[in-house]
Every structure is written in structure tokens, then in C-alpha cells.
């Protein structure tokens, strides 16, 4: 092999390595209510089969220890979304109608000025999406501020 071919081969290999290093990983967070660690077959003996989630887990990171900011759905989502205690954003129990929220001395929705994982990921060049529940009455416009 002549020196030119060797140099071109080395440069092509280095270019491929550089491209692979700059590629961002996909990030998928599956956050569910009332689910135990044994409810996915990738964590248990397989008495409940979850092959698609198992495949995702085998190709990425699987966490074995997790602490939540609250045992209740809405504040735990605020904690995960913002990385902060949910009471700092006025959410202390599950979101409901305005009267219920007022009785619980909490906000009706997460303030759009709150820092979020989605905002940080967008700033890093990621496309983000929220699929699934937050709560039915929160208007789409608010969700779009966080996830689109």
C-alpha cells in the first residue's frame, strides 16, 4: 500500500471516529405511576413479559436505584422534570380542578419559567416530546412551552 492510500485510509477512519464521538445519544424516559421494580421482565424472573421495554433496557442504561421527590404523581413529575423539589414550584399533591388546587394551596400547573429537562436538552440541540399523561385539563399551549 502506498503512503497516499495509507494516509487517506487513516483520515477516513479518523473522520468516522470524530463523527461517532459527536453523535448525541437518544434519551427516552419512561415514567409510570404505581409500578414496582418487579413489574418489568428485565428486572424480574419473567412472570410478566415486557419484551419491547426489555429491548430498550438491553441497548441503553437500566437504573436499579431511584428516589422520587414525592410518592404522588404530579409532584413526582415536577421533581423529575425540573430537578427541584416540587413544592418550590407550588405543586404539593396531584393536580386537579382549580377549586381542589386552591384548597391544597397549590398552583394549577407548572410555571412556564421553571427549568426543565426538555429546555436543557433543546438548548443542547435535541428535539423533545412529551407523550402520555400530565393531566387532562392542562392546556396544550402550556405543554408545548415545555416539550416542543
Protein backbone atom coordinates (compact mmCIF):
# COMPACT_ATOMS: atom_id res chain seq x y z
CA UNK A 1 0.00 0.00 0.00
CA UNK A 2 1.44 3.37 -0.92
CA UNK A 3 1.73 6.27 1.52
CA UNK A 4 -1.13 8.25 -0.08
CA UNK A 5 -3.60 5.38 0.23
CA UNK A 6 -2.50 4.76 3.81
CA UNK A 7 -2.93 8.45 4.66
CA UNK A 8 -6.39 8.58 3.06
CA UNK A 9 -7.46 5.43 4.91
CA UNK A 10 -6.23 6.86 8.22
CA UNK A 11 -8.02 10.19 7.59
CA UNK A 12 -11.27 8.43 6.72
CA UNK A 13 -11.04 6.37 9.90
CA UNK A 14 -10.37 9.48 11.99
CA UNK A 15 -13.33 11.27 10.36
CA UNK A 16 -15.61 8.35 11.21
CA UNK A 17 -14.35 8.34 14.80
CA UNK A 18 -14.94 12.11 15.11
CA UNK A 19 -18.47 11.76 13.71
CA UNK A 20 -19.26 8.94 16.13
CA UNK A 21 -18.00 10.99 19.08
CA UNK A 22 -20.19 14.00 18.21
CA UNK A 23 -23.37 11.94 17.75
CA UNK A 24 -25.76 12.52 20.63
CA UNK A 25 -27.38 9.55 22.34
CA UNK A 26 -31.14 9.14 22.28
CA UNK A 27 -32.78 9.79 25.63
CA UNK A 28 -36.07 8.10 26.49
CA UNK A 29 -37.57 8.46 29.96
CA UNK A 30 -40.47 6.15 30.74
CA UNK A 31 -42.14 7.42 33.89
CA UNK A 32 -45.10 5.50 35.24
CA UNK A 33 -47.35 5.58 38.28
CA UNK A 34 -47.72 2.72 40.75
CA UNK A 35 -45.15 0.45 39.16
CA UNK A 36 -42.68 -1.63 41.11
CA UNK A 37 -39.24 -2.78 40.02
CA UNK A 38 -40.57 -6.31 39.53
CA UNK A 39 -43.22 -5.22 37.03
CA UNK A 40 -40.81 -5.32 34.07
CA UNK A 41 -39.35 -8.62 32.92
CA UNK A 42 -35.88 -7.06 32.53
CA UNK A 43 -35.89 -6.72 36.34
CA UNK A 44 -37.68 -9.91 37.39
CA UNK A 45 -37.84 -13.60 36.62
CA UNK A 46 -40.19 -13.03 33.70
CA UNK A 47 -43.58 -13.63 35.26
CA UNK A 48 -44.76 -10.53 33.37
CA UNK A 49 -43.25 -10.25 29.90
CA UNK A 50 -42.30 -6.78 28.62
CA UNK A 51 -40.13 -7.59 25.57
CA UNK A 52 -40.11 -4.12 23.99
CA UNK A 53 -39.08 -2.36 27.18
CA UNK A 54 -36.56 -5.17 27.80
CA UNK A 55 -35.03 -4.50 24.38
CA UNK A 56 -34.70 -0.78 25.16
CA UNK A 57 -33.11 -1.62 28.51
CA UNK A 58 -30.61 -4.01 26.92
CA UNK A 59 -29.46 -1.32 24.48
CA UNK A 60 -29.13 1.50 26.98
CA UNK A 61 -28.90 2.30 30.66
CA UNK A 62 -31.01 0.50 33.20
CA UNK A 63 -31.28 2.09 36.63
CA UNK A 64 -31.54 -0.10 39.70
CA UNK A 65 -31.89 2.61 42.37
CA UNK A 66 -34.18 5.59 42.21
CA UNK A 67 -35.61 8.05 44.69
CA UNK A 68 -38.57 10.21 43.85
CA UNK A 69 -39.35 13.68 45.15
CA UNK A 70 -42.88 12.60 46.07
CA UNK A 71 -44.99 9.44 46.25
CA UNK A 72 -47.78 11.29 44.39
CA UNK A 73 -47.96 11.57 40.60
CA UNK A 74 -47.99 15.33 39.87
CA UNK A 75 -45.28 16.41 42.31
CA UNK A 76 -43.07 13.46 41.35
CA UNK A 77 -43.32 14.56 37.70
CA UNK A 78 -42.40 18.12 38.69
CA UNK A 79 -39.37 16.78 40.56
CA UNK A 80 -38.23 14.69 37.60
CA UNK A 81 -38.97 17.43 35.06
CA UNK A 82 -37.26 20.27 36.94
CA UNK A 83 -34.73 18.50 39.14
CA UNK A 84 -36.12 20.50 42.06
CA UNK A 85 -38.42 19.88 44.99
CA UNK A 86 -42.00 20.19 43.64
CA UNK A 87 -43.08 22.47 46.49
CA UNK A 88 -40.61 25.06 45.18
CA UNK A 89 -42.93 25.31 42.17
CA UNK A 90 -46.16 25.23 44.17
CA UNK A 91 -47.10 21.61 43.45
CA UNK A 92 -47.62 19.50 46.59
CA UNK A 93 -50.19 16.88 45.58
CA UNK A 94 -51.87 15.65 42.41
CA UNK A 95 -53.21 18.38 40.14
CA UNK A 96 -56.97 18.57 39.96
CA UNK A 97 -59.53 21.28 39.27
CA UNK A 98 -58.90 24.87 40.35
CA UNK A 99 -61.04 24.63 43.49
CA UNK A 100 -59.22 21.48 44.66
CA UNK A 101 -55.83 23.02 43.89
CA UNK A 102 -56.74 26.19 45.79
CA UNK A 103 -57.85 24.11 48.80
CA UNK A 104 -54.45 22.37 48.69
CA UNK A 105 -52.69 25.73 48.37
CA UNK A 106 -51.03 24.73 45.13
CA UNK A 107 -50.71 26.03 41.59
CA UNK A 108 -52.92 24.80 38.75
CA UNK A 109 -49.95 23.86 36.57
CA UNK A 110 -46.17 24.05 36.43
CA UNK A 111 -45.00 27.62 35.86
CA UNK A 112 -43.56 28.08 32.36
CA UNK A 113 -40.47 29.76 33.86
CA UNK A 114 -39.49 26.51 35.61
CA UNK A 115 -36.26 24.92 34.40
CA UNK A 116 -36.94 21.59 32.71
CA UNK A 117 -35.01 18.68 31.27
CA UNK A 118 -36.68 19.42 27.94
CA UNK A 119 -35.44 23.03 27.91
CA UNK A 120 -31.89 21.91 28.72
CA UNK A 121 -31.98 19.23 26.04
CA UNK A 122 -33.36 21.67 23.45
CA UNK A 123 -30.51 24.07 24.28
CA UNK A 124 -28.11 21.17 23.59
CA UNK A 125 -29.67 20.60 20.16
CA UNK A 126 -32.12 17.82 20.95
CA UNK A 127 -35.69 17.52 19.71
CA UNK A 128 -38.04 16.79 22.59
CA UNK A 129 -41.53 15.36 23.01
CA UNK A 130 -43.93 14.53 25.80
CA UNK A 131 -46.15 11.53 25.14
CA UNK A 132 -48.75 10.49 27.66
CA UNK A 133 -50.38 11.97 30.66
CA UNK A 134 -49.74 15.01 32.67
CA UNK A 135 -53.32 15.86 33.47
CA UNK A 136 -56.27 16.25 31.13
CA UNK A 137 -57.16 19.86 31.80
CA UNK A 138 -53.73 21.39 31.35
CA UNK A 139 -53.96 23.20 28.06
CA UNK A 140 -51.82 22.18 25.13
CA UNK A 141 -50.21 25.61 24.95
CA UNK A 142 -48.57 25.08 28.34
CA UNK A 143 -47.29 21.63 27.38
CA UNK A 144 -45.92 22.99 24.12
CA UNK A 145 -43.81 25.51 26.05
CA UNK A 146 -42.08 22.64 27.83
CA UNK A 147 -41.80 19.90 25.25
CA UNK A 148 -41.90 21.28 21.70
